[in-house]
């Protein structure tokens, strides 16, 4: 399957069919990830969970060759823990955690200004049955090769958690 074939096969209601800007301008081009497995994570630079960036980068590097990517989505809705500009966020992530995975523009994940990407993600329930609003920074949504949400993980679930690794590997199999 070519990239253009996988893009045309993307369901209109897929989170990957949403337009969202890249962190440093232009389009993040989510449709290019059709046919891949994507872990979408709302991120913040000044949060107690910020060290998860290191594990997210390791996860990205470990599985990138198998058609997997982490997608970071900066959000400042939780106690103002992502106050920086796009340039500041990019510099922090690169210098502090060596982040190479793609990042989108800063968006709102909850409330009246919720980005359409999160409109499509938040209806999916996690293993405990939580659906709806994102609870905190570093909530994770796993999107399968078919462009549909297949799993949701709480912010406290680390990138190296056995259940998250198992879900990624199941989607890559």
C-alpha atoms as a PDB file:
ATOM      1  CA  UNK A   1       0.000   0.000   0.000  1.00  0.00           C
ATOM      2  CA  UNK A   2       1.417   3.370  -0.935  1.00  0.00           C
ATOM      3  CA  UNK A   3       1.133   6.430   1.249  1.00  0.00           C
ATOM      4  CA  UNK A   4      -1.442   7.985  -1.042  1.00  0.00           C
ATOM      5  CA  UNK A   5      -3.482   4.763  -0.954  1.00  0.00           C
ATOM      6  CA  UNK A   6      -3.456   4.727   2.855  1.00  0.00           C
ATOM      7  CA  UNK A   7      -4.417   8.418   2.984  1.00  0.00           C
ATOM      8  CA  UNK A   8      -7.405   7.854   0.713  1.00  0.00           C
ATOM      9  CA  UNK A   9      -8.476   4.909   2.899  1.00  0.00           C
ATOM     10  CA  UNK A  10      -8.548   7.053   6.044  1.00  0.00           C
ATOM     11  CA  UNK A  11     -12.055   7.228   7.512  1.00  0.00           C
ATOM     12  CA  UNK A  12     -13.414  10.786   7.658  1.00  0.00           C
ATOM     13  CA  UNK A  13     -14.035  10.404  11.425  1.00  0.00           C
ATOM     14  CA  UNK A  14     -10.480   9.242  12.154  1.00  0.00           C
ATOM     15  CA  UNK A  15      -8.404  11.447  14.461  1.00  0.00           C
ATOM     16  CA  UNK A  16      -5.768  11.363  11.723  1.00  0.00           C
ATOM     17  CA  UNK A  17      -8.187  13.052   9.290  1.00  0.00           C
ATOM     18  CA  UNK A  18      -8.139  16.243  11.405  1.00  0.00           C
ATOM     19  CA  UNK A  19      -6.153  19.290  10.358  1.00  0.00           C
ATOM     20  CA  UNK A  20      -3.792  20.571  13.036  1.00  0.00           C
ATOM     21  CA  UNK A  21      -0.771  22.813  12.821  1.00  0.00           C
ATOM     22  CA  UNK A  22       2.797  21.684  13.437  1.00  0.00           C
ATOM     23  CA  UNK A  23       4.587  23.138  16.456  1.00  0.00           C
ATOM     24  CA  UNK A  24       6.770  25.414  14.386  1.00  0.00           C
ATOM     25  CA  UNK A  25       4.286  26.306  11.681  1.00  0.00           C
ATOM     26  CA  UNK A  26       2.595  24.707   8.708  1.00  0.00           C
ATOM     27  CA  UNK A  27       0.487  21.591   8.872  1.00  0.00           C
ATOM     28  CA  UNK A  28       1.287  18.617  11.082  1.00  0.00           C
ATOM     29  CA  UNK A  29      -0.116  16.497   8.216  1.00  0.00           C
ATOM     30  CA  UNK A  30      -1.657  13.769  10.380  1.00  0.00           C
ATOM     31  CA  UNK A  31      -2.990  11.946   7.307  1.00  0.00           C
ATOM     32  CA  UNK A  32       0.609  10.937   6.517  1.00  0.00           C
ATOM     33  CA  UNK A  33       0.396   8.591   9.529  1.00  0.00           C
ATOM     34  CA  UNK A  34      -2.450   6.570   7.980  1.00  0.00           C
ATOM     35  CA  UNK A  35      -1.375   2.950   7.996  1.00  0.00           C
ATOM     36  CA  UNK A  36       0.879   3.532  11.002  1.00  0.00           C
ATOM     37  CA  UNK A  37       0.364   3.193  14.754  1.00  0.00           C
ATOM     38  CA  UNK A  38       0.338   6.556  16.547  1.00  0.00           C
ATOM     39  CA  UNK A  39       0.446   7.366  20.257  1.00  0.00           C
ATOM     40  CA  UNK A  40      -1.076  10.841  20.727  1.00  0.00           C
ATOM     41  CA  UNK A  41      -0.057  12.499  23.999  1.00  0.00           C
ATOM     42  CA  UNK A  42      -0.959  15.928  25.384  1.00  0.00           C
ATOM     43  CA  UNK A  43       2.330  17.221  26.761  1.00  0.00           C
ATOM     44  CA  UNK A  44       3.589  20.002  29.035  1.00  0.00           C
ATOM     45  CA  UNK A  45       7.072  21.227  29.932  1.00  0.00           C
ATOM     46  CA  UNK A  46       6.483  22.230  33.554  1.00  0.00           C
ATOM     47  CA  UNK A  47       4.551  19.276  34.956  1.00  0.00           C
ATOM     48  CA  UNK A  48       5.495  16.598  37.465  1.00  0.00           C
ATOM     49  CA  UNK A  49       4.936  14.110  34.628  1.00  0.00           C
ATOM     50  CA  UNK A  50       7.251  15.965  32.208  1.00  0.00           C
ATOM     51  CA  UNK A  51      10.016  13.336  32.649  1.00  0.00           C
ATOM     52  CA  UNK A  52       7.720  11.043  30.611  1.00  0.00           C
ATOM     53  CA  UNK A  53       9.210  12.823  27.578  1.00  0.00           C
ATOM     54  CA  UNK A  54      12.300  10.597  27.957  1.00  0.00           C
ATOM     55  CA  UNK A  55      10.233   7.408  27.887  1.00  0.00           C
ATOM     56  CA  UNK A  56       8.105   8.665  25.007  1.00  0.00           C
ATOM     57  CA  UNK A  57      11.260   9.341  22.993  1.00  0.00           C
ATOM     58  CA  UNK A  58      12.588   5.845  23.802  1.00  0.00           C
ATOM     59  CA  UNK A  59       9.270   4.315  22.742  1.00  0.00           C
ATOM     60  CA  UNK A  60       9.321   6.343  19.524  1.00  0.00           C
ATOM     61  CA  UNK A  61      12.873   5.267  18.709  1.00  0.00           C
ATOM     62  CA  UNK A  62      12.243   1.613  19.618  1.00  0.00           C
ATOM     63  CA  UNK A  63       9.285   1.139  17.275  1.00  0.00           C
ATOM     64  CA  UNK A  64       9.701   3.834  14.588  1.00  0.00           C
ATOM     65  CA  UNK A  65      11.128   1.331  12.115  1.00  0.00           C
ATOM     66  CA  UNK A  66       7.954  -0.759  12.448  1.00  0.00           C
ATOM     67  CA  UNK A  67       5.553   2.041  11.481  1.00  0.00           C
ATOM     68  CA  UNK A  68       5.041   3.699  14.863  1.00  0.00           C
ATOM     69  CA  UNK A  69       5.266   7.291  16.019  1.00  0.00           C
ATOM     70  CA  UNK A  70       4.591   9.318  19.113  1.00  0.00           C
ATOM     71  CA  UNK A  71       2.791  12.596  18.448  1.00  0.00           C
ATOM     72  CA  UNK A  72       3.167  15.271  21.125  1.00  0.00           C
ATOM     73  CA  UNK A  73       0.344  17.807  21.490  1.00  0.00           C
ATOM     74  CA  UNK A  74       1.299  20.702  23.794  1.00  0.00           C
ATOM     75  CA  UNK A  75      -1.479  21.986  26.025  1.00  0.00           C
ATOM     76  CA  UNK A  76      -1.506  24.755  28.644  1.00  0.00           C
ATOM     77  CA  UNK A  77      -4.909  23.957  30.201  1.00  0.00           C
ATOM     78  CA  UNK A  78      -3.650  22.214  33.328  1.00  0.00           C
ATOM     79  CA  UNK A  79      -2.360  24.788  35.841  1.00  0.00           C
ATOM     80  CA  UNK A  80      -0.550  26.680  33.064  1.00  0.00           C
ATOM     81  CA  UNK A  81       2.146  24.017  32.808  1.00  0.00           C
ATOM     82  CA  UNK A  82       2.923  24.678  29.124  1.00  0.00           C
ATOM     83  CA  UNK A  83       3.272  28.471  29.010  1.00  0.00           C
ATOM     84  CA  UNK A  84       6.049  28.711  26.416  1.00  0.00           C
ATOM     85  CA  UNK A  85       6.042  29.763  22.797  1.00  0.00           C
ATOM     86  CA  UNK A  86       6.455  27.186  20.041  1.00  0.00           C
ATOM     87  CA  UNK A  87      10.175  27.989  19.901  1.00  0.00           C
ATOM     88  CA  UNK A  88      10.567  27.621  23.678  1.00  0.00           C
ATOM     89  CA  UNK A  89       8.694  24.299  23.709  1.00  0.00           C
ATOM     90  CA  UNK A  90      10.786  22.922  20.832  1.00  0.00           C
ATOM     91  CA  UNK A  91      14.062  24.051  22.416  1.00  0.00           C
ATOM     92  CA  UNK A  92      13.121  22.601  25.822  1.00  0.00           C
ATOM     93  CA  UNK A  93      12.067  19.228  24.403  1.00  0.00           C
ATOM     94  CA  UNK A  94      15.140  18.915  22.218  1.00  0.00           C
ATOM     95  CA  UNK A  95      17.721  20.108  24.743  1.00  0.00           C
ATOM     96  CA  UNK A  96      16.274  18.449  27.849  1.00  0.00           C
ATOM     97  CA  UNK A  97      14.906  15.162  26.512  1.00  0.00           C
ATOM     98  CA  UNK A  98      16.320  14.796  22.986  1.00  0.00           C
ATOM     99  CA  UNK A  99      12.807  14.659  21.549  1.00  0.00           C
ATOM    100  CA  UNK A 100      12.720  13.794  17.847  1.00  0.00           C
ATOM    101  CA  UNK A 101       9.062  12.737  17.563  1.00  0.00           C
ATOM    102  CA  UNK A 102       6.676  15.198  15.870  1.00  0.00           C
ATOM    103  CA  UNK A 103       4.888  17.875  17.850  1.00  0.00           C
ATOM    104  CA  UNK A 104       1.760  19.838  16.961  1.00  0.00           C
ATOM    105  CA  UNK A 105       0.785  23.382  17.744  1.00  0.00           C
ATOM    106  CA  UNK A 106      -0.383  24.106  21.294  1.00  0.00           C
ATOM    107  CA  UNK A 107      -4.129  23.395  21.600  1.00  0.00           C
ATOM    108  CA  UNK A 108      -6.911  23.034  24.125  1.00  0.00           C
ATOM    109  CA  UNK A 109      -7.945  19.453  24.843  1.00  0.00           C
ATOM    110  CA  UNK A 110     -11.032  20.210  26.962  1.00  0.00           C
ATOM    111  CA  UNK A 111     -13.834  22.760  27.069  1.00  0.00           C
ATOM    112  CA  UNK A 112     -15.552  24.918  24.479  1.00  0.00           C
ATOM    113  CA  UNK A 113     -12.303  25.524  22.576  1.00  0.00           C
ATOM    114  CA  UNK A 114     -11.357  21.812  22.495  1.00  0.00           C
ATOM    115  CA  UNK A 115      -9.454  21.083  19.296  1.00  0.00           C
ATOM    116  CA  UNK A 116     -11.293  18.788  16.835  1.00  0.00           C
ATOM    117  CA  UNK A 117      -8.501  16.217  17.278  1.00  0.00           C
ATOM    118  CA  UNK A 118      -9.533  15.804  20.905  1.00  0.00           C
ATOM    119  CA  UNK A 119     -13.224  15.831  19.975  1.00  0.00           C
ATOM    120  CA  UNK A 120     -12.457  12.572  18.177  1.00  0.00           C
ATOM    121  CA  UNK A 121     -10.204  11.123  20.877  1.00  0.00           C
ATOM    122  CA  UNK A 122     -12.037  11.795  24.134  1.00  0.00           C
ATOM    123  CA  UNK A 123     -15.074   9.639  23.409  1.00  0.00           C
ATOM    124  CA  UNK A 124     -12.885   6.556  23.770  1.00  0.00           C
ATOM    125  CA  UNK A 125     -12.795   5.008  27.256  1.00  0.00           C
ATOM    126  CA  UNK A 126      -9.679   3.729  29.007  1.00  0.00           C
ATOM    127  CA  UNK A 127      -9.434   0.342  30.747  1.00  0.00           C
ATOM    128  CA  UNK A 128     -11.101   1.801  33.869  1.00  0.00           C
ATOM    129  CA  UNK A 129     -14.019   3.117  31.818  1.00  0.00           C
ATOM    130  CA  UNK A 130     -13.033   6.806  31.838  1.00  0.00           C
ATOM    131  CA  UNK A 131     -14.100   8.668  28.717  1.00  0.00           C
ATOM    132  CA  UNK A 132     -14.683  12.343  28.130  1.00  0.00           C
ATOM    133  CA  UNK A 133     -12.386  15.124  29.262  1.00  0.00           C
ATOM    134  CA  UNK A 134      -8.643  14.634  29.390  1.00  0.00           C
ATOM    135  CA  UNK A 135      -7.723  14.402  33.080  1.00  0.00           C
ATOM    136  CA  UNK A 136      -4.211  15.881  33.033  1.00  0.00           C
ATOM    137  CA  UNK A 137      -1.049  16.308  31.005  1.00  0.00           C
ATOM    138  CA  UNK A 138       0.357  13.151  29.394  1.00  0.00           C
ATOM    139  CA  UNK A 139      -2.941  11.343  28.803  1.00  0.00           C
ATOM    140  CA  UNK A 140      -2.296   8.925  25.930  1.00  0.00           C
ATOM    141  CA  UNK A 141      -4.427   7.727  23.022  1.00  0.00           C
ATOM    142  CA  UNK A 142      -3.271   4.877  20.791  1.00  0.00           C
ATOM    143  CA  UNK A 143      -4.468   4.987  17.188  1.00  0.00           C
ATOM    144  CA  UNK A 144      -4.202   1.776  15.154  1.00  0.00           C
ATOM    145  CA  UNK A 145      -3.114   1.338  11.559  1.00  0.00           C
ATOM    146  CA  UNK A 146      -6.755   1.711  10.484  1.00  0.00           C
ATOM    147  CA  UNK A 147      -6.845   5.244  11.941  1.00  0.00           C
ATOM    148  CA  UNK A 148      -9.186   4.338  14.819  1.00  0.00           C
ATOM    149  CA  UNK A 149      -8.553   4.835  18.530  1.00  0.00           C
ATOM    150  CA  UNK A 150      -7.788   1.448  20.077  1.00  0.00           C
ATOM    151  CA  UNK A 151      -6.627   2.350  23.595  1.00  0.00           C
ATOM    152  CA  UNK A 152      -6.512   5.196  26.102  1.00  0.00           C
ATOM    153  CA  UNK A 153      -4.108   5.463  29.020  1.00  0.00           C
ATOM    154  CA  UNK A 154      -4.206   7.694  32.086  1.00  0.00           C
ATOM    155  CA  UNK A 155      -1.553  10.354  32.573  1.00  0.00           C
ATOM    156  CA  UNK A 156       0.095   8.260  35.292  1.00  0.00           C
ATOM    157  CA  UNK A 157       0.608   5.330  32.900  1.00  0.00           C
ATOM    158  CA  UNK A 158       4.227   5.699  31.883  1.00  0.00           C
ATOM    159  CA  UNK A 159       5.497   5.105  28.345  1.00  0.00           C
ATOM    160  CA  UNK A 160       7.267   1.956  29.605  1.00  0.00           C
ATOM    161  CA  UNK A 161       4.170   0.501  31.323  1.00  0.00           C
ATOM    162  CA  UNK A 162       3.643  -3.150  30.334  1.00  0.00           C
ATOM    163  CA  UNK A 163       0.037  -2.525  29.286  1.00  0.00           C
ATOM    164  CA  UNK A 164       1.028   0.351  26.997  1.00  0.00           C
ATOM    165  CA  UNK A 165       3.914  -1.597  25.441  1.00  0.00           C
ATOM    166  CA  UNK A 166       1.620  -4.612  24.922  1.00  0.00           C
ATOM    167  CA  UNK A 167      -1.007  -2.442  23.206  1.00  0.00           C
ATOM    168  CA  UNK A 168       1.604  -0.870  20.883  1.00  0.00           C
ATOM    169  CA  UNK A 169       3.091  -4.264  20.013  1.00  0.00           C
ATOM    170  CA  UNK A 170      -0.353  -5.745  19.381  1.00  0.00           C
ATOM    171  CA  UNK A 171      -1.105  -2.969  16.890  1.00  0.00           C
ATOM    172  CA  UNK A 172       2.261  -3.389  15.173  1.00  0.00           C
ATOM    173  CA  UNK A 173       1.888  -7.175  14.819  1.00  0.00           C
END
